[in-house]
C-alpha atoms as a PDB file:
ATOM      1  CA  MET A   1       4.415   3.702 -21.264  1.00  0.00           C
ATOM      2  CA  ASP A   2       1.278   2.089 -19.682  1.00  0.00           C
ATOM      3  CA  LYS A   3      -1.729   2.399 -22.003  1.00  0.00           C
ATOM      4  CA  SER A   4      -4.679   4.138 -19.912  1.00  0.00           C
ATOM      5  CA  VAL A   5      -8.354   3.998 -19.583  1.00  0.00           C
ATOM      6  CA  THR A   6     -10.863   6.627 -18.712  1.00  0.00           C
ATOM      7  CA  THR A   7     -13.131   6.387 -15.093  1.00  0.00           C
ATOM      8  CA  SER A   8     -14.901   8.883 -13.629  1.00  0.00           C
ATOM      9  CA  ILE A   9     -15.299   9.872 -10.247  1.00  0.00           C
ATOM     10  CA  ARG A  10     -17.776  11.495  -8.253  1.00  0.00           C
ATOM     11  CA  PHE A  11     -16.291  14.448  -6.248  1.00  0.00           C
ATOM     12  CA  PRO A  12     -17.364  16.986  -3.303  1.00  0.00           C
ATOM     13  CA  LYS A  13     -16.949  20.369  -4.820  1.00  0.00           C
ATOM     14  CA  GLY A  14     -14.480  21.199  -2.514  1.00  0.00           C
ATOM     15  CA  LEU A  15     -12.723  18.450  -3.085  1.00  0.00           C
ATOM     16  CA  ARG A  16     -12.361  18.658  -6.923  1.00  0.00           C
ATOM     17  CA  GLU A  17     -11.591  22.396  -6.399  1.00  0.00           C
ATOM     18  CA  ARG A  18      -8.398  21.643  -3.868  1.00  0.00           C
ATOM     19  CA  VAL A  19      -7.394  19.166  -6.202  1.00  0.00           C
ATOM     20  CA  GLU A  20      -7.909  21.934  -9.185  1.00  0.00           C
ATOM     21  CA  ARG A  21      -5.632  24.223  -6.803  1.00  0.00           C
ATOM     22  CA  GLU A  22      -2.628  21.777  -6.635  1.00  0.00           C
ATOM     23  CA  ALA A  23      -2.780  21.036 -10.498  1.00  0.00           C
ATOM     24  CA  HIS A  24      -2.178  24.228 -11.125  1.00  0.00           C
ATOM     25  CA  LYS A  25       0.311  25.806  -8.012  1.00  0.00           C
ATOM     26  CA  MET A  26       2.024  22.069  -9.069  1.00  0.00           C
ATOM     27  CA  GLY A  27       2.124  23.275 -12.634  1.00  0.00           C
ATOM     28  CA  ARG A  28       0.498  19.708 -13.062  1.00  0.00           C
ATOM     29  CA  THR A  29      -3.324  18.111 -14.898  1.00  0.00           C
ATOM     30  CA  LYS A  30      -5.522  17.738 -12.534  1.00  0.00           C
ATOM     31  CA  ASN A  31      -5.780  13.519 -13.946  1.00  0.00           C
ATOM     32  CA  TRP A  32      -1.694  13.964 -12.717  1.00  0.00           C
ATOM     33  CA  VAL A  33      -2.354  14.978  -8.814  1.00  0.00           C
ATOM     34  CA  ILE A  34      -5.370  12.575  -8.695  1.00  0.00           C
ATOM     35  CA  VAL A  35      -3.136   9.523 -10.345  1.00  0.00           C
ATOM     36  CA  ARG A  36      -0.475  10.361  -7.790  1.00  0.00           C
ATOM     37  CA  ALA A  37      -3.104   9.889  -4.520  1.00  0.00           C
ATOM     38  CA  VAL A  38      -4.588   7.093  -5.829  1.00  0.00           C
ATOM     39  CA  GLU A  39      -0.766   5.359  -5.934  1.00  0.00           C
ATOM     40  CA  ASP A  40       0.170   6.509  -2.591  1.00  0.00           C
ATOM     41  CA  TYR A  41      -2.781   5.917  -1.146  1.00  0.00           C
ATOM     42  CA  LEU A  42      -2.898   2.406  -2.191  1.00  0.00           C
ATOM     43  CA  GLY A  43       0.834   2.547  -1.288  1.00  0.00           C
ATOM     44  CA  THR A  44      -0.374   2.640   2.498  1.00  0.00           C
ATOM     45  CA  VAL A  45      -2.246   0.006   2.646  1.00  0.00           C
ATOM     46  CA  ASP A  46      -0.051  -2.210   1.052  1.00  0.00           C
ATOM     47  CA  ALA A  47       2.083  -1.238   3.404  1.00  0.00           C
ATOM     48  CA  GLU A  48      -0.286  -0.966   6.762  1.00  0.00           C
ATOM     49  CA  ALA A  49      -1.299  -4.884   5.923  1.00  0.00           C
ATOM     50  CA  ARG A  50       2.453  -6.107   6.056  1.00  0.00           C
ATOM     51  CA  CYS A  51       2.416  -4.693   8.604  1.00  0.00           C
ATOM     52  CA  ARG A  52      -0.307  -6.368  10.622  1.00  0.00           C
ATOM     53  CA  GLU A  53       0.344  -9.776   9.381  1.00  0.00           C
ATOM     54  CA  ALA A  54       4.255  -8.326  10.149  1.00  0.00           C
ATOM     55  CA  ARG A  55       2.965  -8.386  13.554  1.00  0.00           C
ATOM     56  CA  ARG A  56       0.313 -11.078  13.081  1.00  0.00           C
ATOM     57  CA  GLN A  57       3.994 -13.067  12.883  1.00  0.00           C
ATOM     58  CA  SER A  58       5.085 -11.748  15.448  1.00  0.00           C
ATOM     59  CA  ILE A  59       2.654 -12.014  18.457  1.00  0.00           C
ATOM     60  CA  GLU A  60       1.815 -16.338  17.025  1.00  0.00           C
ATOM     61  CA  ALA A  61       6.132 -16.536  17.110  1.00  0.00           C
ATOM     62  CA  SER A  62       6.733 -15.532  20.850  1.00  0.00           C
ATOM     63  CA  ARG A  63       3.839 -18.122  21.821  1.00  0.00           C
ATOM     64  CA  GLN A  64       6.125 -20.846  21.730  1.00  0.00           C
ATOM     65  CA  THR A  65       9.483 -21.221  23.382  1.00  0.00           C
ATOM     66  CA  ALA A  66      12.794 -22.022  22.241  1.00  0.00           C
ATOM     67  CA  GLU A  67      12.004 -26.148  22.826  1.00  0.00           C
ATOM     68  CA  GLU A  68       8.513 -26.303  21.463  1.00  0.00           C
ATOM     69  CA  SER A  69       9.723 -23.744  18.181  1.00  0.00           C
ATOM     70  CA  ASP A  70      11.018 -26.517  15.579  1.00  0.00           C
ATOM     71  CA  TRP A  71       9.888 -23.671  12.686  1.00  0.00           C
ATOM     72  CA  GLU A  72      13.209 -24.079  10.984  1.00  0.00           C
ATOM     73  CA  GLU A  73      12.624 -28.338  10.482  1.00  0.00           C
ATOM     74  CA  ALA A  74       9.216 -27.513   8.863  1.00  0.00           C
ATOM     75  CA  ALA A  75      10.487 -24.238   7.023  1.00  0.00           C
ATOM     76  CA  ASP A  76      10.944 -24.806   3.106  1.00  0.00           C
ATOM     77  CA  PHE A  77      14.063 -23.009   2.741  1.00  0.00           C
ATOM     78  CA  ARG A  78      14.919 -24.348  -1.544  1.00  0.00           C
ATOM     79  CA  ASP A  79      14.252 -20.219  -3.135  1.00  0.00           C
ATOM     80  CA  TRP A  80      16.145 -18.483  -0.368  1.00  0.00           C
ATOM     81  CA  LYS A  81      19.615 -17.203  -1.564  1.00  0.00           C
END
């Protein structure tokens, strides 16, 4: 298991109470609920960043016609398997 560290955060009272209720309903600790929520959020942020980059690349690629594009010649395929 990964080593953990302790940190402190400040919650608005209503949010703290929601976390406590959810933890109680699930039979889990507040820490478990908070860690999962942060992991889910960071995963969403990462996915959104990947989608934005894919969209940016798609738009850039669509600006070139097939004749103008020499990406296959310029691409580095050495690490492809």
